[in-house]
Amino acid sequence: MTVGSVQSAASTARSDRSRQIDPMLGLEPAKELGDPVDPERLVLEAQIMARRGLLDEAERLARSALERRGESPVPLFADPRFTLAEILASAGRTDEARTEANACLRRYQAKGIVPLTEKALALLAEIPV
C-alpha cells in the first residue's frame, strides 16, 4: 500500500464521519467530532442538550457517558457525574442532584483538586434543600 493510498483512505473515512454528525448539535459537517460514543463527546452533547432545555435527553447522554467511562480519577475534559448533577438540579430533582454532587465533591477532595472541589461546593450551595 502506498502513502498516497493510505492518505486517500484516511480522507475518505474522515469525509464519511463528517456526514454522520448529528444535526441537533448545529455543527458544520466539516468539523470533526470523533467517535459518536466517546464519553467526552457524550458529556459535551449532554451539556448542549441541557442548555437547550432538553433535560431528559441530557440526562440520558450524561448517564451513558458515565457508564462508558466510569469514574476517572481526574476529569480530563468534563466530568460526566458532575454534568449529571447539574442536569438533575436543573430538572428539580434535588435529592438525586445532591447525591451526585456529593460523590463528585468526595472524589475531588480525595484527589486534592481544589478548583473542582470549589465548583462542586458551589453547585451544592445552589441546590435547594
C-alpha atoms as a PDB file:
ATOM      1  CA  MET A   1       0.000   0.000   0.000  1.00  0.00           C
ATOM      2  CA  THR A   2       1.429   3.384  -0.972  1.00  0.00           C
ATOM      3  CA  VAL A   3       1.453   6.547   1.121  1.00  0.00           C
ATOM      4  CA  GLY A   4      -0.983   8.112  -1.328  1.00  0.00           C
ATOM      5  CA  SER A   5      -3.495   5.295  -0.990  1.00  0.00           C
ATOM      6  CA  VAL A   6      -3.289   5.436   2.830  1.00  0.00           C
ATOM      7  CA  GLN A   7      -3.871   9.203   2.767  1.00  0.00           C
ATOM      8  CA  SER A   8      -6.767   8.763   0.365  1.00  0.00           C
ATOM      9  CA  ALA A   9      -8.362   6.111   2.577  1.00  0.00           C
ATOM     10  CA  ALA A  10      -7.960   8.333   5.648  1.00  0.00           C
ATOM     11  CA  SER A  11      -9.511  11.270   3.796  1.00  0.00           C
ATOM     12  CA  THR A  12     -12.481   9.140   2.719  1.00  0.00           C
ATOM     13  CA  ALA A  13     -13.021   7.909   6.284  1.00  0.00           C
ATOM     14  CA  ARG A  14     -12.964  11.488   7.628  1.00  0.00           C
ATOM     15  CA  SER A  15     -15.438  12.545   4.973  1.00  0.00           C
ATOM     16  CA  ASP A  16     -17.789   9.666   5.827  1.00  0.00           C
ATOM     17  CA  ARG A  17     -17.675  10.530   9.544  1.00  0.00           C
ATOM     18  CA  SER A  18     -18.344  14.211   8.886  1.00  0.00           C
ATOM     19  CA  ARG A  19     -21.596  13.314   7.106  1.00  0.00           C
ATOM     20  CA  GLN A  20     -22.772  11.411  10.197  1.00  0.00           C
ATOM     21  CA  ILE A  21     -22.633  14.399  12.572  1.00  0.00           C
ATOM     22  CA  ASP A  22     -25.856  14.888  14.495  1.00  0.00           C
ATOM     23  CA  PRO A  23     -27.675  17.918  13.057  1.00  0.00           C
ATOM     24  CA  MET A  24     -29.067  18.620  16.553  1.00  0.00           C
ATOM     25  CA  LEU A  25     -25.636  19.884  17.544  1.00  0.00           C
ATOM     26  CA  GLY A  26     -25.825  22.616  14.933  1.00  0.00           C
ATOM     27  CA  LEU A  27     -22.256  21.998  13.872  1.00  0.00           C
ATOM     28  CA  GLU A  28     -20.952  22.197  10.354  1.00  0.00           C
ATOM     29  CA  PRO A  29     -20.105  18.846   8.747  1.00  0.00           C
ATOM     30  CA  ALA A  30     -16.511  19.963   8.182  1.00  0.00           C
ATOM     31  CA  LYS A  31     -15.807  19.873  11.907  1.00  0.00           C
ATOM     32  CA  GLU A  32     -14.655  16.526  13.226  1.00  0.00           C
ATOM     33  CA  LEU A  33     -16.239  15.367  16.455  1.00  0.00           C
ATOM     34  CA  GLY A  34     -14.699  11.949  16.651  1.00  0.00           C
ATOM     35  CA  ASP A  35     -16.369   8.768  17.838  1.00  0.00           C
ATOM     36  CA  PRO A  36     -20.112   9.315  18.444  1.00  0.00           C
ATOM     37  CA  VAL A  37     -19.998   7.121  21.572  1.00  0.00           C
ATOM     38  CA  ASP A  38     -16.861   8.695  23.036  1.00  0.00           C
ATOM     39  CA  PRO A  39     -17.656   9.571  26.678  1.00  0.00           C
ATOM     40  CA  GLU A  40     -16.265  13.089  26.352  1.00  0.00           C
ATOM     41  CA  ARG A  41     -18.402  13.736  23.283  1.00  0.00           C
ATOM     42  CA  LEU A  42     -21.441  12.380  25.121  1.00  0.00           C
ATOM     43  CA  VAL A  43     -20.794  14.769  28.025  1.00  0.00           C
ATOM     44  CA  LEU A  44     -20.474  17.683  25.615  1.00  0.00           C
ATOM     45  CA  GLU A  45     -23.731  16.716  23.920  1.00  0.00           C
ATOM     46  CA  ALA A  46     -25.396  16.364  27.344  1.00  0.00           C
ATOM     47  CA  GLN A  47     -24.318  19.895  28.242  1.00  0.00           C
ATOM     48  CA  ILE A  48     -25.657  21.230  24.937  1.00  0.00           C
ATOM     49  CA  MET A  49     -28.984  19.448  25.381  1.00  0.00           C
ATOM     50  CA  ALA A  50     -29.287  20.752  28.954  1.00  0.00           C
ATOM     51  CA  ARG A  51     -28.701  24.324  27.789  1.00  0.00           C
ATOM     52  CA  ARG A  52     -31.462  23.826  25.240  1.00  0.00           C
ATOM     53  CA  GLY A  53     -33.809  22.625  27.979  1.00  0.00           C
ATOM     54  CA  LEU A  54     -33.873  19.025  26.732  1.00  0.00           C
ATOM     55  CA  LEU A  55     -33.190  17.635  30.191  1.00  0.00           C
ATOM     56  CA  ASP A  56     -34.363  14.044  29.611  1.00  0.00           C
ATOM     57  CA  GLU A  57     -32.026  13.686  26.625  1.00  0.00           C
ATOM     58  CA  ALA A  58     -29.231  15.448  28.517  1.00  0.00           C
ATOM     59  CA  GLU A  59     -29.614  13.050  31.450  1.00  0.00           C
ATOM     60  CA  ARG A  60     -29.583  10.031  29.132  1.00  0.00           C
ATOM     61  CA  LEU A  61     -26.361  11.227  27.477  1.00  0.00           C
ATOM     62  CA  ALA A  62     -24.657  12.019  30.794  1.00  0.00           C
ATOM     63  CA  ARG A  63     -25.569   8.610  32.232  1.00  0.00           C
ATOM     64  CA  SER A  64     -24.347   6.927  29.053  1.00  0.00           C
ATOM     65  CA  ALA A  65     -21.014   8.762  29.306  1.00  0.00           C
ATOM     66  CA  LEU A  66     -20.705   7.750  32.941  1.00  0.00           C
ATOM     67  CA  GLU A  67     -21.407   4.103  32.097  1.00  0.00           C
ATOM     68  CA  ARG A  68     -18.872   4.083  29.257  1.00  0.00           C
ATOM     69  CA  ARG A  69     -16.058   5.841  31.057  1.00  0.00           C
ATOM     70  CA  GLY A  70     -16.792   5.132  34.701  1.00  0.00           C
ATOM     71  CA  GLU A  71     -15.128   7.266  37.330  1.00  0.00           C
ATOM     72  CA  SER A  72     -11.905   8.742  36.130  1.00  0.00           C
ATOM     73  CA  PRO A  73      -9.581   9.792  38.942  1.00  0.00           C
ATOM     74  CA  VAL A  74      -9.202  13.269  37.470  1.00  0.00           C
ATOM     75  CA  PRO A  75     -11.657  14.558  34.869  1.00  0.00           C
ATOM     76  CA  LEU A  76      -9.697  15.381  31.736  1.00  0.00           C
ATOM     77  CA  PHE A  77     -12.333  17.318  29.832  1.00  0.00           C
ATOM     78  CA  ALA A  78     -15.697  17.168  31.523  1.00  0.00           C
ATOM     79  CA  ASP A  79     -16.862  15.038  34.400  1.00  0.00           C
ATOM     80  CA  PRO A  80     -19.966  13.051  33.434  1.00  0.00           C
ATOM     81  CA  ARG A  81     -21.066  12.731  37.074  1.00  0.00           C
ATOM     82  CA  PHE A  82     -20.782  16.479  37.677  1.00  0.00           C
ATOM     83  CA  THR A  83     -22.671  17.158  34.429  1.00  0.00           C
ATOM     84  CA  LEU A  84     -25.348  14.709  35.578  1.00  0.00           C
ATOM     85  CA  ALA A  85     -25.594  16.534  38.932  1.00  0.00           C
ATOM     86  CA  GLU A  86     -26.089  19.851  37.117  1.00  0.00           C
ATOM     87  CA  ILE A  87     -28.765  18.362  34.862  1.00  0.00           C
ATOM     88  CA  LEU A  88     -30.636  16.794  37.781  1.00  0.00           C
ATOM     89  CA  ALA A  89     -30.521  20.111  39.649  1.00  0.00           C
ATOM     90  CA  SER A  90     -31.914  21.900  36.584  1.00  0.00           C
ATOM     91  CA  ALA A  91     -34.697  19.309  36.420  1.00  0.00           C
ATOM     92  CA  GLY A  92     -35.621  19.994  40.050  1.00  0.00           C
ATOM     93  CA  ARG A  93     -34.552  16.530  41.192  1.00  0.00           C
ATOM     94  CA  THR A  94     -32.677  17.958  44.154  1.00  0.00           C
ATOM     95  CA  ASP A  95     -32.090  14.772  46.161  1.00  0.00           C
ATOM     96  CA  GLU A  96     -30.527  12.978  43.193  1.00  0.00           C
ATOM     97  CA  ALA A  97     -28.551  16.086  42.218  1.00  0.00           C
ATOM     98  CA  ARG A  98     -27.189  16.444  45.752  1.00  0.00           C
ATOM     99  CA  THR A  99     -26.170  12.750  45.821  1.00  0.00           C
ATOM    100  CA  GLU A 100     -24.245  13.063  42.539  1.00  0.00           C
ATOM    101  CA  ALA A 101     -22.659  16.396  43.520  1.00  0.00           C
ATOM    102  CA  ASN A 102     -21.552  14.951  46.865  1.00  0.00           C
ATOM    103  CA  ALA A 103     -19.957  11.992  45.062  1.00  0.00           C
ATOM    104  CA  CYS A 104     -18.011  14.465  42.917  1.00  0.00           C
ATOM    105  CA  LEU A 105     -17.027  16.504  45.947  1.00  0.00           C
ATOM    106  CA  ARG A 106     -15.667  13.452  47.778  1.00  0.00           C
ATOM    107  CA  ARG A 107     -13.646  12.396  44.731  1.00  0.00           C
ATOM    108  CA  TYR A 108     -12.252  15.879  44.119  1.00  0.00           C
ATOM    109  CA  GLN A 109     -11.324  16.301  47.792  1.00  0.00           C
ATOM    110  CA  ALA A 110      -9.645  12.885  47.906  1.00  0.00           C
ATOM    111  CA  LYS A 111      -7.524  13.869  44.898  1.00  0.00           C
ATOM    112  CA  GLY A 112      -6.842  17.360  46.237  1.00  0.00           C
ATOM    113  CA  ILE A 113      -8.286  19.100  43.170  1.00  0.00           C
ATOM    114  CA  VAL A 114      -9.106  22.479  44.701  1.00  0.00           C
ATOM    115  CA  PRO A 115     -10.790  24.174  41.703  1.00  0.00           C
ATOM    116  CA  LEU A 116     -13.152  21.242  41.147  1.00  0.00           C
ATOM    117  CA  THR A 117     -13.809  20.959  44.888  1.00  0.00           C
ATOM    118  CA  GLU A 118     -14.853  24.622  44.880  1.00  0.00           C
ATOM    119  CA  LYS A 119     -17.027  24.035  41.813  1.00  0.00           C
ATOM    120  CA  ALA A 120     -18.787  21.090  43.498  1.00  0.00           C
ATOM    121  CA  LEU A 121     -19.297  23.118  46.695  1.00  0.00           C
ATOM    122  CA  ALA A 122     -20.802  25.946  44.639  1.00  0.00           C
ATOM    123  CA  LEU A 123     -23.208  23.546  42.933  1.00  0.00           C
ATOM    124  CA  LEU A 124     -24.231  22.063  46.287  1.00  0.00           C
ATOM    125  CA  ALA A 125     -24.883  25.573  47.611  1.00  0.00           C
ATOM    126  CA  GLU A 126     -27.185  26.271  44.639  1.00  0.00           C
ATOM    127  CA  ILE A 127     -29.279  23.112  45.102  1.00  0.00           C
ATOM    128  CA  PRO A 128     -32.306  23.845  47.298  1.00  0.00           C
ATOM    129  CA  VAL A 129     -32.601  21.716  50.423  1.00  0.00           C
END
